[in-house]
Protein backbone atom coordinates (compact mmCIF):
# COMPACT_ATOMS: atom_id res chain seq x y z
CA MET A 1 30.32 10.95 27.17
CA GLY A 2 27.78 11.12 29.68
CA ASN A 3 25.64 13.45 27.34
CA ARG A 4 25.75 10.90 24.28
CA LYS A 5 24.82 8.19 26.67
CA MET A 6 21.91 10.09 27.76
CA ALA A 7 21.01 11.30 24.38
CA LYS A 8 21.18 7.69 23.27
CA GLU A 9 18.79 6.42 25.83
CA ALA A 10 16.34 9.53 25.07
CA GLN A 11 15.98 8.26 21.55
CA ALA A 12 15.15 4.76 21.80
CA PRO A 13 11.67 5.04 23.78
CA ARG A 14 10.80 7.80 21.18
CA LEU A 15 11.30 5.83 18.40
CA GLU A 16 9.48 2.91 20.20
CA ARG A 17 6.42 5.50 20.63
CA SER A 18 6.75 6.87 17.22
CA PRO A 19 3.86 6.04 14.93
CA ILE A 20 5.55 6.95 11.67
CA HIS A 21 8.70 4.80 12.45
CA LEU A 22 6.72 1.95 13.71
CA LEU A 23 4.45 1.87 10.69
CA HIS A 24 7.37 2.14 8.31
CA ARG A 25 9.12 -0.83 10.23
CA ALA A 26 6.16 -2.89 10.17
CA GLY A 27 5.80 -2.22 6.56
CA GLN A 28 9.31 -3.16 5.90
CA CYS A 29 8.91 -6.53 7.78
CA ALA A 30 5.64 -7.15 5.93
CA GLY A 31 7.22 -6.35 2.77
CA ASP A 32 10.28 -8.84 3.47
CA ILE A 33 7.60 -11.62 4.56
CA PHE A 34 5.66 -10.95 1.28
CA GLN A 35 8.85 -11.05 -0.83
CA SER A 36 9.83 -14.60 0.94
CA GLU A 37 6.57 -15.96 0.35
CA MET A 38 6.26 -15.08 -3.21
CA GLY A 39 9.66 -16.83 -3.75
CA ALA A 40 10.52 -16.90 -7.51
CA SER A 41 7.83 -14.25 -8.57
CA ASP A 42 8.99 -10.91 -8.70
CA LEU A 43 5.71 -9.56 -7.68
CA THR A 44 5.93 -6.86 -5.37
CA PRO A 45 3.12 -5.88 -2.33
CA ARG A 46 2.25 -2.82 -4.53
CA GLN A 47 1.89 -4.58 -7.88
CA PHE A 48 -0.31 -7.02 -6.08
CA ALA A 49 -2.33 -4.20 -4.66
CA VAL A 50 -2.71 -2.76 -8.42
CA LEU A 51 -3.87 -6.65 -9.44
CA VAL A 52 -6.35 -6.79 -6.73
CA THR A 53 -7.85 -3.18 -7.32
CA VAL A 54 -7.93 -3.49 -11.08
CA SER A 55 -9.69 -6.92 -10.80
CA GLN A 56 -12.23 -5.34 -8.59
CA ASN A 57 -12.55 -2.30 -10.95
CA GLU A 58 -12.20 -3.32 -14.44
CA GLY A 59 -11.57 -0.42 -16.87
CA LEU A 60 -10.51 1.57 -13.78
CA SER A 61 -8.51 4.96 -14.82
CA GLN A 62 -5.00 5.44 -13.63
CA THR A 63 -6.23 8.65 -11.77
CA ASN A 64 -8.98 6.40 -9.94
CA LEU A 65 -6.20 3.68 -9.43
CA VAL A 66 -4.07 6.54 -7.52
CA GLU A 67 -7.21 7.15 -5.41
CA LYS A 68 -7.91 3.53 -4.47
CA THR A 69 -4.35 2.34 -3.74
CA GLY A 70 -3.14 5.27 -2.21
CA ILE A 71 -0.02 5.07 -4.47
CA ASP A 72 1.39 8.29 -5.61
CA ARG A 73 0.86 9.18 -9.37
CA SER A 74 4.33 8.94 -10.53
CA THR A 75 5.01 5.82 -8.61
CA LEU A 76 1.91 4.22 -9.86
CA ALA A 77 2.64 5.18 -13.58
CA ASP A 78 6.08 3.40 -13.40
CA ILE A 79 4.14 0.28 -11.78
CA VAL A 80 1.48 0.13 -14.44
CA ARG A 81 4.39 0.63 -16.94
CA ARG A 82 6.40 -2.40 -15.42
CA MET A 83 2.98 -4.50 -15.44
CA LEU A 84 2.48 -3.66 -18.98
CA LYS A 85 5.83 -4.99 -19.95
CA LYS A 86 5.30 -8.14 -18.18
CA GLY A 87 1.88 -8.51 -19.70
CA LEU A 88 0.04 -8.27 -16.72
CA LEU A 89 -2.16 -5.40 -17.56
CA GLN A 90 -4.06 -3.94 -20.37
CA ARG A 91 -4.32 -0.26 -21.04
CA ARG A 92 -6.25 1.75 -23.40
CA ARG A 93 -7.56 5.42 -23.92
CA THR A 94 -10.96 6.15 -21.93
CA LYS A 95 -13.96 7.05 -24.07
CA GLU A 96 -14.70 10.07 -21.62
CA ASP A 97 -11.08 11.65 -21.76
CA ALA A 98 -8.61 10.78 -24.72
CA ARG A 99 -5.69 11.94 -22.55
CA ALA A 100 -6.65 9.32 -19.82
CA TYR A 101 -6.06 5.65 -19.65
CA SER A 102 -8.25 2.70 -18.40
CA VAL A 103 -6.28 -0.34 -17.05
CA LYS A 104 -7.65 -4.07 -17.03
CA LEU A 105 -6.01 -7.44 -16.29
CA SER A 106 -4.81 -9.35 -18.93
CA ASP A 107 -5.03 -13.00 -18.92
CA GLU A 108 -1.43 -13.21 -17.57
CA GLY A 109 -2.71 -11.02 -14.92
CA TRP A 110 -5.46 -12.91 -13.68
CA ARG A 111 -3.27 -16.06 -13.73
CA THR A 112 -0.54 -14.02 -11.67
CA LEU A 113 -3.40 -12.76 -9.18
CA LYS A 114 -4.96 -16.14 -8.95
CA SER A 115 -1.87 -17.89 -7.69
CA ALA A 116 -0.64 -14.77 -5.50
CA GLU A 117 -3.76 -14.61 -3.40
CA PRO A 118 -3.13 -17.60 -1.39
CA MET A 119 0.62 -16.56 -0.49
CA ALA A 120 -0.47 -12.78 0.02
CA ARG A 121 -3.09 -14.48 2.42
CA ARG A 122 -0.45 -16.30 4.31
CA VAL A 123 1.53 -13.01 4.50
CA ASP A 124 -1.50 -11.34 6.25
CA ASP A 125 -1.74 -14.28 8.25
CA LYS A 126 1.95 -14.31 9.56
CA VAL A 127 1.63 -10.43 10.04
CA LEU A 128 -1.24 -10.78 12.36
CA ALA A 129 -0.38 -14.07 13.84
CA VAL A 130 1.54 -12.13 16.71
CA LEU A 131 -1.93 -10.84 17.82
CA SER A 132 -5.00 -12.44 19.51
CA GLY A 133 -8.14 -12.59 17.32
CA PRO A 134 -9.74 -9.51 18.77
CA GLN A 135 -6.75 -7.62 18.53
CA ARG A 136 -6.32 -8.56 14.86
CA ASP A 137 -9.88 -7.12 14.06
CA ARG A 138 -9.19 -3.92 16.01
CA PHE A 139 -5.66 -3.37 14.55
CA VAL A 140 -6.81 -3.80 11.01
CA ASN A 141 -9.84 -1.48 11.98
CA ASP A 142 -7.34 1.01 13.51
CA LEU A 143 -5.25 0.93 10.45
CA ASN A 144 -8.31 1.78 8.48
CA THR A 145 -9.12 4.53 10.52
CA ILE A 146 -5.94 6.01 10.51
CA VAL A 147 -5.64 5.77 6.69
CA GLU A 148 -8.91 7.30 6.11
CA ALA A 149 -8.43 10.01 8.32
CA LEU A 150 -5.16 11.00 7.14
CA THR A 151 -6.20 10.54 3.57
CA ALA A 152 -9.26 12.86 4.22
CA LEU A 153 -6.87 15.26 5.86
CA GLN A 154 -4.41 15.36 3.12
CA ALA A 155 -7.22 16.16 0.78
CA MET A 156 -8.03 19.40 2.74
CA PRO A 157 -6.84 22.87 1.53
CA LEU A 158 -3.67 23.52 3.63
CA GLU A 159 -5.34 26.87 5.08
CA SER A 160 -8.04 24.69 6.62
CA VAL A 161 -5.68 22.09 8.39
CA VAL A 162 -3.57 25.33 9.88
CA ARG A 163 -6.82 27.17 10.83
CA GLY A 164 -7.95 23.89 12.73
CA ARG A 165 -4.85 24.05 14.94
CA LYS A 166 -5.30 27.30 16.39
């Protein structure tokens, strides 16, 4: 019994210092706040990210959408399929590559984005409200640094990453 208690005590601080665990938990909390703020709308945080990204990059290919949002290819394809069904997006083959699709917002997509933006801003404000002004800027900058660095690291060939550790 003593070993279990010690093991349990040793686990708690580890999770409290684990970036992957804390980022996941923070993401869950932010997602819950997003859903409660959106109310009757069934728009998800990822769908909102797609709306914002497409609105800023009209005619973007789905491949470029993967790069800009960080949503993996198969998940993004499913999100786009659902958003097409809801009438939020329009899709057509690109001129450059007949196998690729370009995506743009439909009129309904623009209306949905316009109505969701104030709610999404409130979610961001609620998430950041626990930090002071300077901490908020630092936190967002630090998150961007982490995302950029890890994205670049993932793009490197595995041999380079392994060689870099030696």
